[in-house]
């Protein structure tokens, strides 16, 4: 299965911008590789490149490797942490009467 490299940045207008690359070489032409990932808990990400100025690699679907700028990472993490999750309540079952 082919791997897609997704880079998420924020444009000058504040909008989230997503660019996808089908080859690692295309991404390497635009960003400076400073190492390789060797400690990810997701074994599929081990050996993937680490780029200066980008946070990642991180999984984003079955065959997508995602990188984000620090500003996007911080804002999306903040949004995610503040999102309220719907709480589910269980029906109470009365104890059987003896």
PDB file of N, CA and C in Angstrom:
ATOM      1  N   UNK A   1       0.847  -1.177   0.000  1.00  0.00           N
ATOM      2  CA  UNK A   1       0.000   0.000   0.000  1.00  0.00           C
ATOM      3  C   UNK A   1       0.897   1.246   0.000  1.00  0.00           C
ATOM      4  N   UNK A   2       0.601   2.192  -0.859  1.00  0.00           N
ATOM      5  CA  UNK A   2       1.405   3.408  -0.981  1.00  0.00           C
ATOM      6  C   UNK A   2       1.183   4.322   0.217  1.00  0.00           C
ATOM      7  N   UNK A   3       2.244   4.988   0.634  1.00  0.00           N
ATOM      8  CA  UNK A   3       2.164   5.920   1.750  1.00  0.00           C
ATOM      9  C   UNK A   3       1.993   7.328   1.210  1.00  0.00           C
ATOM     10  N   UNK A   4       1.070   8.077   1.805  1.00  0.00           N
ATOM     11  CA  UNK A   4       0.866   9.482   1.478  1.00  0.00           C
ATOM     12  C   UNK A   4       1.421  10.303   2.626  1.00  0.00           C
ATOM     13  N   UNK A   5       2.160  11.346   2.301  1.00  0.00           N
ATOM     14  CA  UNK A   5       2.714  12.247   3.302  1.00  0.00           C
ATOM     15  C   UNK A   5       1.866  13.509   3.310  1.00  0.00           C
ATOM     16  N   UNK A   6       1.275  13.832   4.457  1.00  0.00           N
ATOM     17  CA  UNK A   6       0.377  14.985   4.594  1.00  0.00           C
ATOM     18  C   UNK A   6       1.046  16.025   5.485  1.00  0.00           C
ATOM     19  N   UNK A   7       1.121  17.262   4.997  1.00  0.00           N
ATOM     20  CA  UNK A   7       1.700  18.365   5.765  1.00  0.00           C
ATOM     21  C   UNK A   7       0.596  19.388   6.011  1.00  0.00           C
ATOM     22  N   UNK A   8       0.365  19.700   7.293  1.00  0.00           N
ATOM     23  CA  UNK A   8      -0.695  20.633   7.677  1.00  0.00           C
ATOM     24  C   UNK A   8      -0.041  21.907   8.205  1.00  0.00           C
ATOM     25  N   UNK A   9      -0.393  23.034   7.572  1.00  0.00           N
ATOM     26  CA  UNK A   9       0.147  24.337   7.960  1.00  0.00           C
ATOM     27  C   UNK A   9      -1.015  25.317   8.088  1.00  0.00           C
ATOM     28  N   UNK A  10      -0.705  26.533   8.506  1.00  0.00           N
ATOM     29  CA  UNK A  10      -1.716  27.584   8.567  1.00  0.00           C
ATOM     30  C   UNK A  10      -1.288  28.678   7.601  1.00  0.00           C
ATOM     31  N   UNK A  11      -2.215  29.075   6.719  1.00  0.00           N
ATOM     32  CA  UNK A  11      -1.929  30.121   5.745  1.00  0.00           C
ATOM     33  C   UNK A  11      -1.911  31.493   6.390  1.00  0.00           C
ATOM     34  N   UNK A  12      -1.526  32.500   5.618  1.00  0.00           N
ATOM     35  CA  UNK A  12      -1.465  33.868   6.132  1.00  0.00           C
ATOM     36  C   UNK A  12      -2.840  34.390   6.519  1.00  0.00           C
ATOM     37  N   UNK A  13      -3.883  33.803   5.931  1.00  0.00           N
ATOM     38  CA  UNK A  13      -5.254  34.214   6.260  1.00  0.00           C
ATOM     39  C   UNK A  13      -5.806  33.473   7.472  1.00  0.00           C
ATOM     40  N   UNK A  14      -5.009  32.591   8.078  1.00  0.00           N
ATOM     41  CA  UNK A  14      -5.439  31.860   9.266  1.00  0.00           C
ATOM     42  C   UNK A  14      -6.092  30.522   8.977  1.00  0.00           C
ATOM     43  N   UNK A  15      -6.313  30.220   7.713  1.00  0.00           N
ATOM     44  CA  UNK A  15      -6.946  28.955   7.338  1.00  0.00           C
ATOM     45  C   UNK A  15      -5.939  27.808   7.405  1.00  0.00           C
ATOM     46  N   UNK A  16      -6.442  26.639   7.771  1.00  0.00           N
ATOM     47  CA  UNK A  16      -5.621  25.426   7.780  1.00  0.00           C
ATOM     48  C   UNK A  16      -5.390  25.013   6.324  1.00  0.00           C
ATOM     49  N   UNK A  17      -4.131  24.744   5.993  1.00  0.00           N
ATOM     50  CA  UNK A  17      -3.784  24.304   4.645  1.00  0.00           C
ATOM     51  C   UNK A  17      -3.210  22.899   4.726  1.00  0.00           C
ATOM     52  N   UNK A  18      -3.667  22.038   3.837  1.00  0.00           N
ATOM     53  CA  UNK A  18      -3.208  20.650   3.808  1.00  0.00           C
ATOM     54  C   UNK A  18      -2.607  20.379   2.432  1.00  0.00           C
ATOM     55  N   UNK A  19      -1.372  19.881   2.428  1.00  0.00           N
ATOM     56  CA  UNK A  19      -0.728  19.481   1.178  1.00  0.00           C
ATOM     57  C   UNK A  19      -0.346  18.022   1.319  1.00  0.00           C
ATOM     58  N   UNK A  20      -0.564  17.281   0.256  1.00  0.00           N
ATOM     59  CA  UNK A  20      -0.247  15.855   0.276  1.00  0.00           C
ATOM     60  C   UNK A  20       0.796  15.543  -0.783  1.00  0.00           C
ATOM     61  N   UNK A  21       1.698  14.653  -0.425  1.00  0.00           N
ATOM     62  CA  UNK A  21       2.773  14.240  -1.308  1.00  0.00           C
ATOM     63  C   UNK A  21       2.742  12.722  -1.410  1.00  0.00           C
ATOM     64  N   UNK A  22       2.888  12.219  -2.620  1.00  0.00           N
ATOM     65  CA  UNK A  22       2.856  10.767  -2.805  1.00  0.00           C
ATOM     66  C   UNK A  22       4.231  10.138  -2.598  1.00  0.00           C
ATOM     67  N   UNK A  23       5.280  10.972  -2.629  1.00  0.00           N
ATOM     68  CA  UNK A  23       6.640  10.450  -2.462  1.00  0.00           C
ATOM     69  C   UNK A  23       7.380  11.232  -1.389  1.00  0.00           C
ATOM     70  N   UNK A  24       8.176  10.528  -0.627  1.00  0.00           N
ATOM     71  CA  UNK A  24       8.986  11.156   0.417  1.00  0.00           C
ATOM     72  C   UNK A  24       9.972  12.146  -0.197  1.00  0.00           C
ATOM     73  N   UNK A  25      10.469  11.851  -1.388  1.00  0.00           N
ATOM     74  CA  UNK A  25      11.440  12.723  -2.047  1.00  0.00           C
ATOM     75  C   UNK A  25      10.850  14.108  -2.315  1.00  0.00           C
ATOM     76  N   UNK A  26       9.566  14.168  -2.677  1.00  0.00           N
ATOM     77  CA  UNK A  26       8.910  15.454  -2.932  1.00  0.00           C
ATOM     78  C   UNK A  26       8.898  16.304  -1.672  1.00  0.00           C
ATOM     79  N   UNK A  27       8.631  15.686  -0.549  1.00  0.00           N
ATOM     80  CA  UNK A  27       8.608  16.387   0.734  1.00  0.00           C
ATOM     81  C   UNK A  27      10.025  16.795   1.147  1.00  0.00           C
ATOM     82  N   UNK A  28      10.988  15.937   0.876  1.00  0.00           N
ATOM     83  CA  UNK A  28      12.381  16.216   1.242  1.00  0.00           C
ATOM     84  C   UNK A  28      12.960  17.391   0.462  1.00  0.00           C
ATOM     85  N   UNK A  29      12.410  17.683  -0.708  1.00  0.00           N
ATOM     86  CA  UNK A  29      12.878  18.830  -1.490  1.00  0.00           C
ATOM     87  C   UNK A  29      12.470  20.147  -0.841  1.00  0.00           C
ATOM     88  N   UNK A  30      11.379  20.132  -0.071  1.00  0.00           N
ATOM     89  CA  UNK A  30      10.850  21.357   0.529  1.00  0.00           C
ATOM     90  C   UNK A  30      11.254  21.546   1.985  1.00  0.00           C
ATOM     91  N   UNK A  31      11.609  20.467   2.665  1.00  0.00           N
ATOM     92  CA  UNK A  31      11.934  20.529   4.090  1.00  0.00           C
ATOM     93  C   UNK A  31      13.256  19.815   4.339  1.00  0.00           C
ATOM     94  N   UNK A  32      13.994  20.289   5.317  1.00  0.00           N
ATOM     95  CA  UNK A  32      15.290  19.706   5.661  1.00  0.00           C
ATOM     96  C   UNK A  32      15.098  18.545   6.623  1.00  0.00           C
ATOM     97  N   UNK A  33      15.538  17.366   6.202  1.00  0.00           N
ATOM     98  CA  UNK A  33      15.443  16.194   7.069  1.00  0.00           C
ATOM     99  C   UNK A  33      16.552  16.263   8.106  1.00  0.00           C
ATOM    100  N   UNK A  34      16.166  16.102   9.386  1.00  0.00           N
ATOM    101  CA  UNK A  34      17.149  16.180  10.471  1.00  0.00           C
ATOM    102  C   UNK A  34      17.325  14.849  11.195  1.00  0.00           C
ATOM    103  N   UNK A  35      16.622  13.830  10.743  1.00  0.00           N
ATOM    104  CA  UNK A  35      16.762  12.526  11.376  1.00  0.00           C
ATOM    105  C   UNK A  35      15.690  11.578  10.900  1.00  0.00           C
ATOM    106  N   UNK A  36      15.608  10.446  11.599  1.00  0.00           N
ATOM    107  CA  UNK A  36      14.545   9.481  11.338  1.00  0.00           C
ATOM    108  C   UNK A  36      13.900   9.116  12.662  1.00  0.00           C
ATOM    109  N   UNK A  37      12.629   8.771  12.594  1.00  0.00           N
ATOM    110  CA  UNK A  37      11.906   8.388  13.808  1.00  0.00           C
ATOM    111  C   UNK A  37      12.358   6.985  14.218  1.00  0.00           C
ATOM    112  N   UNK A  38      12.776   6.880  15.469  1.00  0.00           N
ATOM    113  CA  UNK A  38      13.197   5.566  15.955  1.00  0.00           C
ATOM    114  C   UNK A  38      12.554   5.205  17.286  1.00  0.00           C
ATOM    115  N   UNK A  39      11.532   5.976  17.697  1.00  0.00           N
ATOM    116  CA  UNK A  39      10.944   5.695  19.007  1.00  0.00           C
ATOM    117  C   UNK A  39       9.418   5.743  19.012  1.00  0.00           C
ATOM    118  N   UNK A  40       8.793   5.827  17.854  1.00  0.00           N
ATOM    119  CA  UNK A  40       7.340   5.891  17.805  1.00  0.00           C
ATOM    120  C   UNK A  40       6.726   4.598  18.331  1.00  0.00           C
ATOM    121  N   UNK A  41       5.620   4.737  19.052  1.00  0.00           N
ATOM    122  CA  UNK A  41       4.920   3.538  19.513  1.00  0.00           C
ATOM    123  C   UNK A  41       4.198   2.859  18.359  1.00  0.00           C
ATOM    124  N   UNK A  42       3.930   3.601  17.290  1.00  0.00           N
ATOM    125  CA  UNK A  42       3.348   3.028  16.075  1.00  0.00           C
ATOM    126  C   UNK A  42       4.513   2.527  15.220  1.00  0.00           C
ATOM    127  N   UNK A  43       4.673   1.230  15.157  1.00  0.00           N
ATOM    128  CA  UNK A  43       5.836   0.650  14.487  1.00  0.00           C
ATOM    129  C   UNK A  43       5.911   1.013  13.013  1.00  0.00           C
ATOM    130  N   UNK A  44       4.772   1.324  12.385  1.00  0.00           N
ATOM    131  CA  UNK A  44       4.775   1.699  10.969  1.00  0.00           C
ATOM    132  C   UNK A  44       5.480   3.036  10.744  1.00  0.00           C
ATOM    133  N   UNK A  45       5.578   3.853  11.791  1.00  0.00           N
ATOM    134  CA  UNK A  45       6.212   5.164  11.653  1.00  0.00           C
ATOM    135  C   UNK A  45       7.717   5.134  11.893  1.00  0.00           C
ATOM    136  N   UNK A  46       8.202   4.064  12.466  1.00  0.00           N
ATOM    137  CA  UNK A  46       9.645   3.980  12.719  1.00  0.00           C
ATOM    138  C   UNK A  46      10.388   3.964  11.386  1.00  0.00           C
ATOM    139  N   UNK A  47      11.424   4.760  11.319  1.00  0.00           N
ATOM    140  CA  UNK A  47      12.194   4.871  10.084  1.00  0.00           C
ATOM    141  C   UNK A  47      11.709   5.989   9.178  1.00  0.00           C
ATOM    142  N   UNK A  48      10.577   6.610   9.519  1.00  0.00           N
ATOM    143  CA  UNK A  48      10.075   7.736   8.725  1.00  0.00           C
ATOM    144  C   UNK A  48      10.926   8.970   9.022  1.00  0.00           C
ATOM    145  N   UNK A  49      11.031   9.887   8.067  1.00  0.00           N
ATOM    146  CA  UNK A  49      11.875  11.065   8.274  1.00  0.00           C
ATOM    147  C   UNK A  49      11.304  12.039   9.297  1.00  0.00           C
ATOM    148  N   UNK A  50      12.211  12.748   9.965  1.00  0.00           N
ATOM    149  CA  UNK A  50      11.867  13.849  10.867  1.00  0.00           C
ATOM    150  C   UNK A  50      12.410  15.109  10.196  1.00  0.00           C
ATOM    151  N   UNK A  51      11.555  16.137  10.078  1.00  0.00           N
ATOM    152  CA  UNK A  51      11.935  17.353   9.364  1.00  0.00           C
ATOM    153  C   UNK A  51      12.034  18.540  10.306  1.00  0.00           C
ATOM    154  N   UNK A  52      12.978  19.436  10.023  1.00  0.00           N
ATOM    155  CA  UNK A  52      13.138  20.668  10.803  1.00  0.00           C
ATOM    156  C   UNK A  52      11.891  21.533  10.602  1.00  0.00           C
ATOM    157  N   UNK A  53      11.328  22.016  11.717  1.00  0.00           N
ATOM    158  CA  UNK A  53      10.183  22.915  11.656  1.00  0.00           C
ATOM    159  C   UNK A  53       8.836  22.221  11.558  1.00  0.00           C
ATOM    160  N   UNK A  54       8.824  20.899  11.558  1.00  0.00           N
ATOM    161  CA  UNK A  54       7.564  20.155  11.505  1.00  0.00           C
ATOM    162  C   UNK A  54       7.511  19.167  12.659  1.00  0.00           C
ATOM    163  N   UNK A  55       6.328  18.983  13.192  1.00  0.00           N
ATOM    164  CA  UNK A  55       6.114  17.979  14.232  1.00  0.00           C
ATOM    165  C   UNK A  55       5.569  16.738  13.544  1.00  0.00           C
ATOM    166  N   UNK A  56       6.170  15.629  13.812  1.00  0.00           N
ATOM    167  CA  UNK A  56       5.762  14.382  13.196  1.00  0.00           C
ATOM    168  C   UNK A  56       6.980  13.496  13.039  1.00  0.00           C
ATOM    169  N   UNK A  57       6.784  12.346  12.520  1.00  0.00           N
ATOM    170  CA  UNK A  57       5.592  11.811  11.882  1.00  0.00           C
ATOM    171  C   UNK A  57       4.547  11.342  12.895  1.00  0.00           C
ATOM    172  N   UNK A  58       3.284  11.411  12.465  1.00  0.00           N
ATOM    173  CA  UNK A  58       2.189  10.887  13.272  1.00  0.00           C
ATOM    174  C   UNK A  58       1.198  10.207  12.330  1.00  0.00           C
ATOM    175  N   UNK A  59       0.499   9.181  12.813  1.00  0.00           N
ATOM    176  CA  UNK A  59      -0.444   8.478  11.945  1.00  0.00           C
ATOM    177  C   UNK A  59      -1.682   9.326  11.690  1.00  0.00           C
ATOM    178  N   UNK A  60      -2.216   9.224  10.482  1.00  0.00           N
ATOM    179  CA  UNK A  60      -3.437   9.948  10.118  1.00  0.00           C
ATOM    180  C   UNK A  60      -4.233   9.088   9.147  1.00  0.00           C
ATOM    181  N   UNK A  61      -4.564   7.899   9.574  1.00  0.00           N
ATOM    182  CA  UNK A  61      -5.259   6.962   8.704  1.00  0.00           C
ATOM    183  C   UNK A  61      -4.339   5.795   8.382  1.00  0.00           C
ATOM    184  N   UNK A  62      -4.854   4.860   7.596  1.00  0.00           N
ATOM    185  CA  UNK A  62      -4.106   3.631   7.331  1.00  0.00           C
ATOM    186  C   UNK A  62      -2.775   3.861   6.638  1.00  0.00           C
ATOM    187  N   UNK A  63      -2.745   4.668   5.608  1.00  0.00           N
ATOM    188  CA  UNK A  63      -1.503   4.822   4.847  1.00  0.00           C
ATOM    189  C   UNK A  63      -1.086   6.284   4.724  1.00  0.00           C
ATOM    190  N   UNK A  64      -1.428   7.090   5.733  1.00  0.00           N
ATOM    191  CA  UNK A  64      -1.088   8.512   5.711  1.00  0.00           C
ATOM    192  C   UNK A  64      -0.169   8.832   6.884  1.00  0.00           C
ATOM    193  N   UNK A  65       0.946   9.476   6.572  1.00  0.00           N
ATOM    194  CA  UNK A  65       1.887   9.950   7.582  1.00  0.00           C
ATOM    195  C   UNK A  65       1.727  11.463   7.629  1.00  0.00           C
ATOM    196  N   UNK A  66       1.443  11.993   8.810  1.00  0.00           N
ATOM    197  CA  UNK A  66       1.109  13.408   8.962  1.00  0.00           C
ATOM    198  C   UNK A  66       2.228  14.176   9.660  1.00  0.00           C
ATOM    199  N   UNK A  67       2.445  15.392   9.177  1.00  0.00           N
ATOM    200  CA  UNK A  67       3.371  16.339   9.796  1.00  0.00           C
ATOM    201  C   UNK A  67       2.613  17.649   9.968  1.00  0.00           C
ATOM    202  N   UNK A  68       2.880  18.370  11.056  1.00  0.00           N
ATOM    203  CA  UNK A  68       2.224  19.653  11.312  1.00  0.00           C
ATOM    204  C   UNK A  68       3.267  20.674  11.733  1.00  0.00           C
ATOM    205  N   UNK A  69       2.986  21.949  11.435  1.00  0.00           N
ATOM    206  CA  UNK A  69       3.838  23.003  11.971  1.00  0.00           C
ATOM    207  C   UNK A  69       3.557  23.096  13.464  1.00  0.00           C
ATOM    208  N   UNK A  70       4.497  23.597  14.258  1.00  0.00           N
ATOM    209  CA  UNK A  70       4.271  23.696  15.704  1.00  0.00           C
ATOM    210  C   UNK A  70       3.019  24.501  16.058  1.00  0.00           C
ATOM    211  N   UNK A  71       2.747  25.567  15.313  1.00  0.00           N
ATOM    212  CA  UNK A  71       1.579  26.405  15.596  1.00  0.00           C
ATOM    213  C   UNK A  71       0.280  25.627  15.363  1.00  0.00           C
ATOM    214  N   UNK A  72       0.215  24.887  14.273  1.00  0.00           N
ATOM    215  CA  UNK A  72      -0.975  24.073  13.985  1.00  0.00           C
ATOM    216  C   UNK A  72      -1.113  22.973  15.029  1.00  0.00           C
ATOM    217  N   UNK A  73      -0.016  22.320  15.370  1.00  0.00           N
ATOM    218  CA  UNK A  73      -0.049  21.260  16.372  1.00  0.00           C
ATOM    219  C   UNK A  73      -0.601  21.786  17.689  1.00  0.00           C
ATOM    220  N   UNK A  74      -0.106  22.945  18.118  1.00  0.00           N
ATOM    221  CA  UNK A  74      -0.551  23.525  19.385  1.00  0.00           C
ATOM    222  C   UNK A  74      -2.031  23.898  19.346  1.00  0.00           C
ATOM    223  N   UNK A  75      -2.470  24.539  18.268  1.00  0.00           N
ATOM    224  CA  UNK A  75      -3.875  24.971  18.206  1.00  0.00           C
ATOM    225  C   UNK A  75      -4.829  23.786  18.084  1.00  0.00           C
ATOM    226  N   UNK A  76      -4.477  22.784  17.272  1.00  0.00           N
ATOM    227  CA  UNK A  76      -5.359  21.619  17.135  1.00  0.00           C
ATOM    228  C   UNK A  76      -5.393  20.800  18.417  1.00  0.00           C
ATOM    229  N   UNK A  77      -4.265  20.708  19.115  1.00  0.00           N
ATOM    230  CA  UNK A  77      -4.235  19.994  20.389  1.00  0.00           C
ATOM    231  C   UNK A  77      -5.098  20.709  21.414  1.00  0.00           C
ATOM    232  N   UNK A  78      -5.030  22.037  21.428  1.00  0.00           N
ATOM    233  CA  UNK A  78      -5.836  22.822  22.363  1.00  0.00           C
ATOM    234  C   UNK A  78      -7.325  22.636  22.065  1.00  0.00           C
ATOM    235  N   UNK A  79      -7.703  22.686  20.776  1.00  0.00           N
ATOM    236  CA  UNK A  79      -9.106  22.468  20.393  1.00  0.00           C
ATOM    237  C   UNK A  79      -9.564  21.077  20.815  1.00  0.00           C
ATOM    238  N   UNK A  80      -8.720  20.087  20.581  1.00  0.00           N
ATOM    239  CA  UNK A  80      -9.067  18.712  20.913  1.00  0.00           C
ATOM    240  C   UNK A  80      -9.253  18.546  22.419  1.00  0.00           C
ATOM    241  N   UNK A  81      -8.376  19.181  23.207  1.00  0.00           N
ATOM    242  CA  UNK A  81      -8.464  19.008  24.662  1.00  0.00           C
ATOM    243  C   UNK A  81      -9.660  19.735  25.262  1.00  0.00           C
ATOM    244  N   UNK A  82     -10.129  20.793  24.605  1.00  0.00           N
ATOM    245  CA  UNK A  82     -11.266  21.548  25.124  1.00  0.00           C
ATOM    246  C   UNK A  82     -12.611  21.001  24.658  1.00  0.00           C
ATOM    247  N   UNK A  83     -12.595  20.143  23.654  1.00  0.00           N
ATOM    248  CA  UNK A  83     -13.844  19.586  23.128  1.00  0.00           C
ATOM    249  C   UNK A  83     -14.515  18.733  24.195  1.00  0.00           C
ATOM    250  N   UNK A  84     -15.787  18.981  24.378  1.00  0.00           N
ATOM    251  CA  UNK A  84     -16.545  18.216  25.369  1.00  0.00           C
ATOM    252  C   UNK A  84     -17.005  16.909  24.736  1.00  0.00           C
ATOM    253  N   UNK A  85     -16.860  15.865  25.485  1.00  0.00           N
ATOM    254  CA  UNK A  85     -17.347  14.579  25.012  1.00  0.00           C
ATOM    255  C   UNK A  85     -18.710  14.328  25.633  1.00  0.00           C
ATOM    256  N   UNK A  86     -19.576  13.740  24.852  1.00  0.00           N
ATOM    257  CA  UNK A  86     -20.912  13.434  25.356  1.00  0.00           C
ATOM    258  C   UNK A  86     -20.800  12.331  26.401  1.00  0.00           C
ATOM    259  N   UNK A  87     -21.387  12.578  27.531  1.00  0.00           N
ATOM    260  CA  UNK A  87     -21.360  11.565  28.591  1.00  0.00           C
ATOM    261  C   UNK A  87     -22.570  10.671  28.442  1.00  0.00           C
ATOM    262  N   UNK A  88     -22.326   9.405  28.576  1.00  0.00           N
ATOM    263  CA  UNK A  88     -23.416   8.442  28.492  1.00  0.00           C
ATOM    264  C   UNK A  88     -23.774   8.020  29.904  1.00  0.00           C
ATOM    265  N   UNK A  89     -25.042   7.967  30.152  1.00  0.00           N
ATOM    266  CA  UNK A  89     -25.480   7.512  31.470  1.00  0.00           C
ATOM    267  C   UNK A  89     -26.097   6.133  31.320  1.00  0.00           C
ATOM    268  N   UNK A  90     -25.902   5.358  32.337  1.00  0.00           N
ATOM    269  CA  UNK A  90     -26.478   4.015  32.327  1.00  0.00           C
ATOM    270  C   UNK A  90     -27.833   4.057  32.996  1.00  0.00           C
ATOM    271  N   UNK A  91     -28.694   3.209  32.516  1.00  0.00           N
ATOM    272  CA  UNK A  91     -29.989   3.078  33.184  1.00  0.00           C
ATOM    273  C   UNK A  91     -29.765   2.363  34.495  1.00  0.00           C
ATOM    274  N   UNK A  92     -30.407   2.871  35.502  1.00  0.00           N
ATOM    275  CA  UNK A  92     -30.305   2.188  36.790  1.00  0.00           C
ATOM    276  C   UNK A  92     -31.349   1.085  36.835  1.00  0.00           C
ATOM    277  N   UNK A  93     -30.908  -0.020  37.277  1.00  0.00           N
ATOM    278  CA  UNK A  93     -31.818  -1.149  37.424  1.00  0.00           C
ATOM    279  C   UNK A  93     -32.015  -1.354  38.915  1.00  0.00           C
ATOM    280  N   UNK A  94     -33.272  -1.292  39.320  1.00  0.00           N
ATOM    281  CA  UNK A  94     -33.555  -1.491  40.737  1.00  0.00           C
ATOM    282  C   UNK A  94     -33.262  -2.936  41.114  1.00  0.00           C
ATOM    283  N   UNK A  95     -32.790  -3.090  42.320  1.00  0.00           N
ATOM    284  CA  UNK A  95     -32.523  -4.429  42.830  1.00  0.00           C
ATOM    285  C   UNK A  95     -33.846  -5.179  42.941  1.00  0.00           C
ATOM    286  N   UNK A  96     -33.830  -6.459  42.650  1.00  0.00           N
ATOM    287  CA  UNK A  96     -35.076  -7.229  42.752  1.00  0.00           C
ATOM    288  C   UNK A  96     -35.595  -7.227  44.191  1.00  0.00           C
ATOM    289  N   UNK A  97     -36.893  -7.101  44.298  1.00  0.00           N
ATOM    290  CA  UNK A  97     -37.530  -7.096  45.617  1.00  0.00           C
ATOM    291  C   UNK A  97     -37.662  -8.537  46.073  1.00  0.00           C
ATOM    292  N   UNK A  98     -37.273  -8.789  47.322  1.00  0.00           N
ATOM    293  CA  UNK A  98     -37.331 -10.149  47.849  1.00  0.00           C
ATOM    294  C   UNK A  98     -38.510 -10.333  48.741  1.00  0.00           C
TER     295      UNK A  98
END
